[in-house]
All heavy atoms as atom14 arrays in JSON, in Angstrom:
{
  "sequence": "ADQQREARPVALTQLAPGDLVFFSRGSHRVDHVGIYAGSGLFIHARH",
  "atom14_mask": [
    [1, 1, 1, 1, 1, 0, 0, 0, 0, 0, 0, 0, 0, 0],
    [1, 1, 1, 1, 1, 1, 1, 1, 0, 0, 0, 0, 0, 0],
    [1, 1, 1, 1, 1, 1, 1, 1, 1, 0, 0, 0, 0, 0],
    [1, 1, 1, 1, 1, 1, 1, 1, 1, 0, 0, 0, 0, 0],
    [1, 1, 1, 1, 1, 1, 1, 1, 1, 1, 1, 0, 0, 0],
    [1, 1, 1, 1, 1, 1, 1, 1, 1, 0, 0, 0, 0, 0],
    [1, 1, 1, 1, 1, 0, 0, 0, 0, 0, 0, 0, 0, 0],
    [1, 1, 1, 1, 1, 1, 1, 1, 1, 1, 1, 0, 0, 0],
    [1, 1, 1, 1, 1, 1, 1, 0, 0, 0, 0, 0, 0, 0],
    [1, 1, 1, 1, 1, 1, 1, 0, 0, 0, 0, 0, 0, 0],
    [1, 1, 1, 1, 1, 0, 0, 0, 0, 0, 0, 0, 0, 0],
    [1, 1, 1, 1, 1, 1, 1, 1, 0, 0, 0, 0, 0, 0],
    [1, 1, 1, 1, 1, 1, 1, 0, 0, 0, 0, 0, 0, 0],
    [1, 1, 1, 1, 1, 1, 1, 1, 1, 0, 0, 0, 0, 0],
    [1, 1, 1, 1, 1, 1, 1, 1, 0, 0, 0, 0, 0, 0],
    [1, 1, 1, 1, 1, 0, 0, 0, 0, 0, 0, 0, 0, 0],
    [1, 1, 1, 1, 1, 1, 1, 0, 0, 0, 0, 0, 0, 0],
    [1, 1, 1, 1, 0, 0, 0, 0, 0, 0, 0, 0, 0, 0],
    [1, 1, 1, 1, 1, 1, 1, 1, 0, 0, 0, 0, 0, 0],
    [1, 1, 1, 1, 1, 1, 1, 1, 0, 0, 0, 0, 0, 0],
    [1, 1, 1, 1, 1, 1, 1, 0, 0, 0, 0, 0, 0, 0],
    [1, 1, 1, 1, 1, 1, 1, 1, 1, 1, 1, 0, 0, 0],
    [1, 1, 1, 1, 1, 1, 1, 1, 1, 1, 1, 0, 0, 0],
    [1, 1, 1, 1, 1, 1, 0, 0, 0, 0, 0, 0, 0, 0],
    [1, 1, 1, 1, 1, 1, 1, 1, 1, 1, 1, 0, 0, 0],
    [1, 1, 1, 1, 0, 0, 0, 0, 0, 0, 0, 0, 0, 0],
    [1, 1, 1, 1, 1, 1, 0, 0, 0, 0, 0, 0, 0, 0],
    [1, 1, 1, 1, 1, 1, 1, 1, 1, 1, 0, 0, 0, 0],
    [1, 1, 1, 1, 1, 1, 1, 1, 1, 1, 1, 0, 0, 0],
    [1, 1, 1, 1, 1, 1, 1, 0, 0, 0, 0, 0, 0, 0],
    [1, 1, 1, 1, 1, 1, 1, 1, 0, 0, 0, 0, 0, 0],
    [1, 1, 1, 1, 1, 1, 1, 1, 1, 1, 0, 0, 0, 0],
    [1, 1, 1, 1, 1, 1, 1, 0, 0, 0, 0, 0, 0, 0],
    [1, 1, 1, 1, 0, 0, 0, 0, 0, 0, 0, 0, 0, 0],
    [1, 1, 1, 1, 1, 1, 1, 1, 0, 0, 0, 0, 0, 0],
    [1, 1, 1, 1, 1, 1, 1, 1, 1, 1, 1, 1, 0, 0],
    [1, 1, 1, 1, 1, 0, 0, 0, 0, 0, 0, 0, 0, 0],
    [1, 1, 1, 1, 0, 0, 0, 0, 0, 0, 0, 0, 0, 0],
    [1, 1, 1, 1, 1, 1, 0, 0, 0, 0, 0, 0, 0, 0],
    [1, 1, 1, 1, 0, 0, 0, 0, 0, 0, 0, 0, 0, 0],
    [1, 1, 1, 1, 1, 1, 1, 1, 0, 0, 0, 0, 0, 0],
    [1, 1, 1, 1, 1, 1, 1, 1, 1, 1, 1, 0, 0, 0],
    [1, 1, 1, 1, 1, 1, 1, 1, 0, 0, 0, 0, 0, 0],
    [1, 1, 1, 1, 1, 1, 1, 1, 1, 1, 0, 0, 0, 0],
    [1, 1, 1, 1, 1, 0, 0, 0, 0, 0, 0, 0, 0, 0],
    [1, 1, 1, 1, 1, 1, 1, 1, 1, 1, 1, 0, 0, 0],
    [1, 1, 1, 1, 1, 1, 1, 1, 1, 1, 0, 0, 0, 0]
  ],
  "atom14_positions": [
    [[82.84, 79.16, 78.24], [83.19, 77.88, 78.94], [84.24, 77.11, 78.14], [85.2, 76.58, 78.72], [81.95, 77.04, 79.19], [0.0, 0.0, 0.0], [0.0, 0.0, 0.0], [0.0, 0.0, 0.0], [0.0, 0.0, 0.0], [0.0, 0.0, 0.0], [0.0, 0.0, 0.0], [0.0, 0.0, 0.0], [0.0, 0.0, 0.0], [0.0, 0.0, 0.0]],
    [[84.05, 77.07, 76.85], [85.04, 76.34, 76.0], [86.37, 77.09, 75.98], [87.45, 76.5, 75.95], [84.51, 76.13, 74.57], [83.43, 75.08, 74.51], [83.28, 74.27, 75.44], [82.69, 75.09, 73.52], [0.0, 0.0, 0.0], [0.0, 0.0, 0.0], [0.0, 0.0, 0.0], [0.0, 0.0, 0.0], [0.0, 0.0, 0.0], [0.0, 0.0, 0.0]],
    [[86.33, 78.4, 75.93], [87.54, 79.2, 75.97], [88.33, 78.92, 77.27], [89.56, 78.71, 77.24], [87.24, 80.69, 75.84], [86.72, 81.06, 74.48], [86.16, 82.46, 74.4], [86.06, 83.2, 75.36], [85.72, 82.86, 73.19], [0.0, 0.0, 0.0], [0.0, 0.0, 0.0], [0.0, 0.0, 0.0], [0.0, 0.0, 0.0], [0.0, 0.0, 0.0]],
    [[87.64, 78.85, 78.37], [88.28, 78.57, 79.63], [88.9, 77.18, 79.65], [90.03, 77.0, 80.13], [87.32, 78.74, 80.82], [87.98, 78.74, 82.14], [87.55, 77.61, 83.07], [86.74, 76.75, 82.65], [88.06, 77.59, 84.25], [0.0, 0.0, 0.0], [0.0, 0.0, 0.0], [0.0, 0.0, 0.0], [0.0, 0.0, 0.0], [0.0, 0.0, 0.0]],
    [[88.18, 76.21, 79.14], [88.66, 74.81, 79.11], [89.95, 74.69, 78.26], [90.82, 73.88, 78.6], [87.6, 73.85, 78.59], [86.7, 73.29, 79.65], [85.85, 72.17, 79.13], [84.86, 72.58, 78.15], [83.7, 73.12, 78.43], [83.35, 73.37, 79.68], [82.85, 73.48, 77.47], [0.0, 0.0, 0.0], [0.0, 0.0, 0.0], [0.0, 0.0, 0.0]],
    [[90.0, 75.41, 77.14], [91.12, 75.2, 76.22], [92.29, 76.18, 76.4], [93.34, 75.94, 75.86], [90.59, 75.27, 74.78], [89.69, 74.08, 74.46], [89.45, 73.92, 72.98], [90.29, 74.36, 72.14], [88.41, 73.33, 72.63], [0.0, 0.0, 0.0], [0.0, 0.0, 0.0], [0.0, 0.0, 0.0], [0.0, 0.0, 0.0], [0.0, 0.0, 0.0]],
    [[92.09, 77.23, 77.17], [93.17, 78.18, 77.39], [94.25, 77.57, 78.29], [93.96, 76.73, 79.16], [92.61, 79.43, 78.03], [0.0, 0.0, 0.0], [0.0, 0.0, 0.0], [0.0, 0.0, 0.0], [0.0, 0.0, 0.0], [0.0, 0.0, 0.0], [0.0, 0.0, 0.0], [0.0, 0.0, 0.0], [0.0, 0.0, 0.0], [0.0, 0.0, 0.0]],
    [[95.46, 78.01, 78.11], [96.53, 77.63, 78.99], [96.37, 78.46, 80.29], [96.33, 79.67, 80.23], [97.89, 77.96, 78.32], [99.08, 77.38, 79.07], [100.39, 77.52, 78.27], [100.83, 78.88, 78.16], [100.77, 79.61, 77.02], [100.32, 79.08, 75.92], [101.18, 80.84, 77.0], [0.0, 0.0, 0.0], [0.0, 0.0, 0.0], [0.0, 0.0, 0.0]],
    [[96.25, 77.78, 81.44], [95.99, 78.53, 82.69], [97.11, 79.52, 83.0], [98.28, 79.25, 82.72], [95.98, 77.39, 83.76], [95.65, 76.18, 82.98], [96.29, 76.32, 81.62], [0.0, 0.0, 0.0], [0.0, 0.0, 0.0], [0.0, 0.0, 0.0], [0.0, 0.0, 0.0], [0.0, 0.0, 0.0], [0.0, 0.0, 0.0], [0.0, 0.0, 0.0]],
    [[96.7, 80.67, 83.57], [97.62, 81.68, 83.96], [97.28, 82.07, 85.39], [96.11, 82.3, 85.7], [97.48, 82.94, 83.04], [98.29, 84.11, 83.55], [97.85, 82.61, 81.64], [0.0, 0.0, 0.0], [0.0, 0.0, 0.0], [0.0, 0.0, 0.0], [0.0, 0.0, 0.0], [0.0, 0.0, 0.0], [0.0, 0.0, 0.0], [0.0, 0.0, 0.0]],
    [[98.3, 82.1, 86.25], [98.04, 82.6, 87.64], [97.58, 84.03, 87.61], [98.08, 84.85, 86.8], [99.31, 82.45, 88.47], [0.0, 0.0, 0.0], [0.0, 0.0, 0.0], [0.0, 0.0, 0.0], [0.0, 0.0, 0.0], [0.0, 0.0, 0.0], [0.0, 0.0, 0.0], [0.0, 0.0, 0.0], [0.0, 0.0, 0.0], [0.0, 0.0, 0.0]],
    [[96.67, 84.39, 88.46], [96.16, 85.75, 88.48], [97.27, 86.77, 88.76], [97.2, 87.93, 88.32], [95.02, 85.89, 89.5], [93.79, 85.05, 89.17], [92.76, 85.16, 90.3], [93.19, 85.46, 87.86], [0.0, 0.0, 0.0], [0.0, 0.0, 0.0], [0.0, 0.0, 0.0], [0.0, 0.0, 0.0], [0.0, 0.0, 0.0], [0.0, 0.0, 0.0]],
    [[98.29, 86.35, 89.48], [99.45, 87.23, 89.75], [100.33, 87.41, 88.53], [101.18, 88.28, 88.55], [100.28, 86.68, 90.91], [100.7, 85.33, 90.56], [99.49, 86.66, 92.2], [0.0, 0.0, 0.0], [0.0, 0.0, 0.0], [0.0, 0.0, 0.0], [0.0, 0.0, 0.0], [0.0, 0.0, 0.0], [0.0, 0.0, 0.0], [0.0, 0.0, 0.0]],
    [[100.09, 86.63, 87.49], [100.93, 86.67, 86.28], [100.15, 87.19, 85.04], [100.58, 87.06, 83.92], [101.47, 85.28, 85.95], [102.37, 84.73, 87.04], [103.57, 85.55, 87.29], [104.27, 85.95, 86.36], [103.86, 85.84, 88.56], [0.0, 0.0, 0.0], [0.0, 0.0, 0.0], [0.0, 0.0, 0.0], [0.0, 0.0, 0.0], [0.0, 0.0, 0.0]],
    [[99.0, 87.84, 85.29], [98.18, 88.34, 84.16], [98.96, 89.32, 83.34], [99.67, 90.18, 83.84], [96.93, 89.02, 84.71], [95.76, 88.17, 85.12], [94.69, 88.98, 85.81], [95.2, 87.43, 83.92], [0.0, 0.0, 0.0], [0.0, 0.0, 0.0], [0.0, 0.0, 0.0], [0.0, 0.0, 0.0], [0.0, 0.0, 0.0], [0.0, 0.0, 0.0]],
    [[98.78, 89.21, 82.03], [99.4, 90.11, 81.05], [98.28, 90.59, 80.11], [97.32, 89.87, 79.9], [100.51, 89.42, 80.3], [0.0, 0.0, 0.0], [0.0, 0.0, 0.0], [0.0, 0.0, 0.0], [0.0, 0.0, 0.0], [0.0, 0.0, 0.0], [0.0, 0.0, 0.0], [0.0, 0.0, 0.0], [0.0, 0.0, 0.0], [0.0, 0.0, 0.0]],
    [[98.4, 91.82, 79.55], [97.42, 92.25, 78.58], [97.19, 91.22, 77.48], [98.16, 90.66, 76.95], [98.04, 93.57, 78.05], [98.85, 94.03, 79.21], [99.44, 92.83, 79.79], [0.0, 0.0, 0.0], [0.0, 0.0, 0.0], [0.0, 0.0, 0.0], [0.0, 0.0, 0.0], [0.0, 0.0, 0.0], [0.0, 0.0, 0.0], [0.0, 0.0, 0.0]],
    [[95.96, 90.95, 77.2], [95.6, 89.94, 76.19], [95.15, 88.63, 76.8], [94.49, 87.82, 76.11], [0.0, 0.0, 0.0], [0.0, 0.0, 0.0], [0.0, 0.0, 0.0], [0.0, 0.0, 0.0], [0.0, 0.0, 0.0], [0.0, 0.0, 0.0], [0.0, 0.0, 0.0], [0.0, 0.0, 0.0], [0.0, 0.0, 0.0], [0.0, 0.0, 0.0]],
    [[95.48, 88.39, 78.07], [94.95, 87.19, 78.72], [93.45, 87.29, 78.88], [92.88, 88.39, 78.98], [95.62, 87.03, 80.11], [97.07, 86.6, 80.04], [97.49, 86.09, 79.0], [97.76, 86.82, 81.02], [0.0, 0.0, 0.0], [0.0, 0.0, 0.0], [0.0, 0.0, 0.0], [0.0, 0.0, 0.0], [0.0, 0.0, 0.0], [0.0, 0.0, 0.0]],
    [[92.81, 86.14, 78.98], [91.37, 86.13, 79.24], [91.1, 85.88, 80.71], [91.8, 85.11, 81.35], [90.71, 85.03, 78.38], [90.86, 85.2, 76.87], [90.13, 84.06, 76.16], [90.33, 86.54, 76.41], [0.0, 0.0, 0.0], [0.0, 0.0, 0.0], [0.0, 0.0, 0.0], [0.0, 0.0, 0.0], [0.0, 0.0, 0.0], [0.0, 0.0, 0.0]],
    [[90.09, 86.57, 81.22], [89.66, 86.36, 82.61], [88.25, 85.81, 82.57], [87.41, 86.3, 81.83], [89.77, 87.67, 83.44], [91.23, 87.96, 83.79], [89.15, 88.82, 82.75], [0.0, 0.0, 0.0], [0.0, 0.0, 0.0], [0.0, 0.0, 0.0], [0.0, 0.0, 0.0], [0.0, 0.0, 0.0], [0.0, 0.0, 0.0], [0.0, 0.0, 0.0]],
    [[88.01, 84.75, 83.36], [86.78, 84.01, 83.3], [85.98, 84.16, 84.6], [86.56, 84.11, 85.69], [87.07, 82.53, 83.03], [87.78, 82.31, 81.73], [89.15, 82.09, 81.71], [87.1, 82.33, 80.51], [89.85, 81.91, 80.54], [87.78, 82.13, 79.34], [89.13, 81.9, 79.32], [0.0, 0.0, 0.0], [0.0, 0.0, 0.0], [0.0, 0.0, 0.0]],
    [[84.67, 84.24, 84.47], [83.78, 84.49, 85.59], [82.62, 83.51, 85.57], [82.2, 83.05, 84.53], [83.21, 85.94, 85.54], [84.25, 86.98, 85.44], [84.77, 87.41, 84.23], [84.73, 87.56, 86.62], [85.74, 88.38, 84.16], [85.71, 88.59, 86.55], [86.19, 88.97, 85.33], [0.0, 0.0, 0.0], [0.0, 0.0, 0.0], [0.0, 0.0, 0.0]],
    [[82.09, 83.25, 86.79], [80.86, 82.5, 86.94], [79.93, 83.43, 87.72], [80.15, 83.69, 88.91], [81.15, 81.23, 87.73], [79.95, 80.52, 87.92], [0.0, 0.0, 0.0], [0.0, 0.0, 0.0], [0.0, 0.0, 0.0], [0.0, 0.0, 0.0], [0.0, 0.0, 0.0], [0.0, 0.0, 0.0], [0.0, 0.0, 0.0], [0.0, 0.0, 0.0]],
    [[78.89, 83.9, 87.05], [78.02, 84.92, 87.62], [76.68, 84.31, 88.06], [75.67, 84.52, 87.42], [77.76, 86.04, 86.66], [79.01, 86.7, 86.16], [78.79, 87.77, 85.11], [78.05, 87.15, 83.96], [77.58, 87.84, 82.96], [77.75, 89.15, 82.89], [76.95, 87.27, 81.94], [0.0, 0.0, 0.0], [0.0, 0.0, 0.0], [0.0, 0.0, 0.0]],
    [[76.73, 83.52, 89.1], [75.49, 82.94, 89.62], [75.21, 81.53, 89.22], [74.27, 80.93, 89.73], [0.0, 0.0, 0.0], [0.0, 0.0, 0.0], [0.0, 0.0, 0.0], [0.0, 0.0, 0.0], [0.0, 0.0, 0.0], [0.0, 0.0, 0.0], [0.0, 0.0, 0.0], [0.0, 0.0, 0.0], [0.0, 0.0, 0.0], [0.0, 0.0, 0.0]],
    [[76.0, 80.98, 88.33], [75.83, 79.57, 87.95], [77.1, 78.83, 88.45], [78.01, 79.44, 89.0], [75.67, 79.43, 86.45], [76.87, 79.78, 85.83], [0.0, 0.0, 0.0], [0.0, 0.0, 0.0], [0.0, 0.0, 0.0], [0.0, 0.0, 0.0], [0.0, 0.0, 0.0], [0.0, 0.0, 0.0], [0.0, 0.0, 0.0], [0.0, 0.0, 0.0]],
    [[77.11, 77.57, 88.26], [78.31, 76.82, 88.64], [79.23, 76.55, 87.45], [80.05, 75.68, 87.51], [77.85, 75.48, 89.3], [77.09, 75.66, 90.52], [77.68, 76.14, 91.69], [75.78, 75.52, 90.81], [76.78, 76.24, 92.64], [75.62, 75.89, 92.13], [0.0, 0.0, 0.0], [0.0, 0.0, 0.0], [0.0, 0.0, 0.0], [0.0, 0.0, 0.0]],
    [[79.08, 77.33, 86.4], [79.92, 77.16, 85.26], [80.39, 78.54, 84.78], [79.8, 79.56, 85.16], [79.14, 76.48, 84.11], [77.95, 77.24, 83.65], [77.22, 76.58, 82.49], [76.08, 77.37, 82.1], [76.09, 78.42, 81.33], [77.22, 78.88, 80.82], [74.97, 79.06, 81.0], [0.0, 0.0, 0.0], [0.0, 0.0, 0.0], [0.0, 0.0, 0.0]],
    [[81.46, 78.56, 84.02], [81.94, 79.83, 83.45], [80.9, 80.34, 82.47], [80.47, 79.64, 81.56], [83.31, 79.6, 82.78], [83.68, 80.8, 81.95], [84.34, 79.31, 83.83], [0.0, 0.0, 0.0], [0.0, 0.0, 0.0], [0.0, 0.0, 0.0], [0.0, 0.0, 0.0], [0.0, 0.0, 0.0], [0.0, 0.0, 0.0], [0.0, 0.0, 0.0]],
    [[80.46, 81.57, 82.65], [79.46, 82.15, 81.8], [79.77, 83.6, 81.36], [78.94, 84.27, 80.77], [78.08, 82.08, 82.45], [78.03, 82.85, 83.77], [79.03, 83.48, 84.17], [76.97, 82.82, 84.43], [0.0, 0.0, 0.0], [0.0, 0.0, 0.0], [0.0, 0.0, 0.0], [0.0, 0.0, 0.0], [0.0, 0.0, 0.0], [0.0, 0.0, 0.0]],
    [[81.01, 84.0, 81.63], [81.41, 85.35, 81.22], [82.95, 85.39, 81.05], [83.63, 84.72, 81.8], [80.98, 86.4, 82.23], [81.16, 87.82, 81.78], [80.48, 88.33, 80.69], [81.94, 88.81, 82.25], [80.84, 89.6, 80.5], [81.74, 89.91, 81.43], [0.0, 0.0, 0.0], [0.0, 0.0, 0.0], [0.0, 0.0, 0.0], [0.0, 0.0, 0.0]],
    [[83.39, 86.17, 80.09], [84.83, 86.28, 79.82], [85.14, 87.73, 79.46], [84.33, 88.42, 78.88], [85.29, 85.35, 78.69], [84.56, 85.6, 77.38], [86.79, 85.36, 78.49], [0.0, 0.0, 0.0], [0.0, 0.0, 0.0], [0.0, 0.0, 0.0], [0.0, 0.0, 0.0], [0.0, 0.0, 0.0], [0.0, 0.0, 0.0], [0.0, 0.0, 0.0]],
    [[86.34, 88.14, 79.85], [86.83, 89.48, 79.49], [88.27, 89.36, 79.04], [88.9, 88.34, 79.26], [0.0, 0.0, 0.0], [0.0, 0.0, 0.0], [0.0, 0.0, 0.0], [0.0, 0.0, 0.0], [0.0, 0.0, 0.0], [0.0, 0.0, 0.0], [0.0, 0.0, 0.0], [0.0, 0.0, 0.0], [0.0, 0.0, 0.0], [0.0, 0.0, 0.0]],
    [[88.79, 90.43, 78.43], [90.15, 90.46, 77.98], [90.95, 91.42, 78.89], [90.59, 92.6, 79.01], [90.23, 90.94, 76.54], [89.4, 90.03, 75.62], [91.69, 91.02, 76.03], [89.17, 90.59, 74.2], [0.0, 0.0, 0.0], [0.0, 0.0, 0.0], [0.0, 0.0, 0.0], [0.0, 0.0, 0.0], [0.0, 0.0, 0.0], [0.0, 0.0, 0.0]],
    [[91.96, 90.88, 79.54], [92.74, 91.68, 80.48], [93.45, 92.8, 79.69], [94.07, 92.54, 78.69], [93.71, 90.83, 81.25], [94.4, 91.57, 82.35], [93.71, 92.06, 83.45], [95.79, 91.86, 82.27], [94.32, 92.76, 84.48], [96.4, 92.57, 83.3], [95.69, 93.02, 84.38], [96.3, 93.72, 85.38], [0.0, 0.0, 0.0], [0.0, 0.0, 0.0]],
    [[93.38, 94.02, 80.21], [93.98, 95.18, 79.5], [95.19, 95.74, 80.26], [95.86, 96.62, 79.71], [92.93, 96.29, 79.38], [0.0, 0.0, 0.0], [0.0, 0.0, 0.0], [0.0, 0.0, 0.0], [0.0, 0.0, 0.0], [0.0, 0.0, 0.0], [0.0, 0.0, 0.0], [0.0, 0.0, 0.0], [0.0, 0.0, 0.0], [0.0, 0.0, 0.0]],
    [[95.52, 95.2, 81.39], [96.63, 95.71, 82.21], [96.13, 96.67, 83.27], [94.96, 97.11, 83.24], [0.0, 0.0, 0.0], [0.0, 0.0, 0.0], [0.0, 0.0, 0.0], [0.0, 0.0, 0.0], [0.0, 0.0, 0.0], [0.0, 0.0, 0.0], [0.0, 0.0, 0.0], [0.0, 0.0, 0.0], [0.0, 0.0, 0.0], [0.0, 0.0, 0.0]],
    [[96.98, 96.93, 84.26], [96.65, 97.87, 85.33], [95.34, 97.52, 86.09], [94.65, 98.43, 86.53], [96.58, 99.32, 84.81], [97.8, 99.66, 84.24], [0.0, 0.0, 0.0], [0.0, 0.0, 0.0], [0.0, 0.0, 0.0], [0.0, 0.0, 0.0], [0.0, 0.0, 0.0], [0.0, 0.0, 0.0], [0.0, 0.0, 0.0], [0.0, 0.0, 0.0]],
    [[95.03, 96.22, 86.16], [93.84, 95.79, 86.9], [92.53, 95.97, 86.16], [91.48, 95.8, 86.74], [0.0, 0.0, 0.0], [0.0, 0.0, 0.0], [0.0, 0.0, 0.0], [0.0, 0.0, 0.0], [0.0, 0.0, 0.0], [0.0, 0.0, 0.0], [0.0, 0.0, 0.0], [0.0, 0.0, 0.0], [0.0, 0.0, 0.0], [0.0, 0.0, 0.0]],
    [[92.58, 96.32, 84.86], [91.4, 96.53, 84.07], [91.2, 95.41, 83.07], [92.16, 94.8, 82.6], [91.5, 97.85, 83.31], [91.61, 99.13, 84.13], [91.87, 100.32, 83.2], [90.41, 99.34, 85.03], [0.0, 0.0, 0.0], [0.0, 0.0, 0.0], [0.0, 0.0, 0.0], [0.0, 0.0, 0.0], [0.0, 0.0, 0.0], [0.0, 0.0, 0.0]],
    [[89.95, 95.13, 82.69], [89.65, 94.24, 81.61], [88.55, 94.82, 80.76], [87.83, 95.74, 81.18], [89.3, 92.8, 82.12], [88.01, 92.72, 82.87], [86.84, 92.25, 82.25], [87.96, 93.05, 84.2], [85.65, 92.14, 82.92], [86.74, 92.93, 84.9], [85.6, 92.48, 84.27], [0.0, 0.0, 0.0], [0.0, 0.0, 0.0], [0.0, 0.0, 0.0]],
    [[88.47, 94.35, 79.52], [87.52, 94.82, 78.55], [86.52, 93.68, 78.3], [86.95, 92.55, 78.14], [88.2, 95.21, 77.22], [89.18, 96.36, 77.49], [87.17, 95.6, 76.14], [90.09, 96.66, 76.32], [0.0, 0.0, 0.0], [0.0, 0.0, 0.0], [0.0, 0.0, 0.0], [0.0, 0.0, 0.0], [0.0, 0.0, 0.0], [0.0, 0.0, 0.0]],
    [[85.21, 94.02, 78.29], [84.22, 92.98, 78.09], [82.95, 93.53, 77.54], [82.74, 94.76, 77.51], [83.95, 92.25, 79.45], [83.3, 93.13, 80.48], [82.39, 92.64, 81.38], [83.43, 94.46, 80.78], [82.01, 93.59, 82.21], [82.61, 94.71, 81.85], [0.0, 0.0, 0.0], [0.0, 0.0, 0.0], [0.0, 0.0, 0.0], [0.0, 0.0, 0.0]],
    [[82.12, 92.63, 77.04], [80.78, 92.94, 76.58], [79.86, 92.43, 77.69], [79.64, 91.21, 77.77], [80.48, 92.3, 75.24], [0.0, 0.0, 0.0], [0.0, 0.0, 0.0], [0.0, 0.0, 0.0], [0.0, 0.0, 0.0], [0.0, 0.0, 0.0], [0.0, 0.0, 0.0], [0.0, 0.0, 0.0], [0.0, 0.0, 0.0], [0.0, 0.0, 0.0]],
    [[79.38, 93.29, 78.51], [78.71, 92.89, 79.77], [77.32, 92.31, 79.56], [77.04, 91.19, 79.97], [78.66, 94.09, 80.68], [78.12, 93.77, 82.06], [78.28, 94.93, 82.97], [77.66, 94.63, 84.26], [77.53, 95.54, 85.18], [77.96, 96.76, 85.03], [76.97, 95.21, 86.31], [0.0, 0.0, 0.0], [0.0, 0.0, 0.0], [0.0, 0.0, 0.0]],
    [[76.42, 93.08, 79.01], [75.03, 92.61, 78.78], [74.3, 93.61, 77.94], [74.8, 94.7, 77.65], [74.29, 92.3, 80.08], [74.16, 93.49, 81.01], [73.36, 94.56, 80.74], [74.75, 93.74, 82.22], [73.44, 95.41, 81.75], [74.29, 94.96, 82.64], [0.0, 0.0, 0.0], [0.0, 0.0, 0.0], [0.0, 0.0, 0.0], [0.0, 0.0, 0.0]]
  ]
}
């Protein structure tokens, strides 16, 4: 949540490897983050 608040926003159409992608999985707040790897893939520690 803090990473999302402090990151410089990036349009999803402008994603580049190294950008962070933020998710809300069932709550009303950001509770998951991944690192965009390019080609529509991201790297994350799921659970």
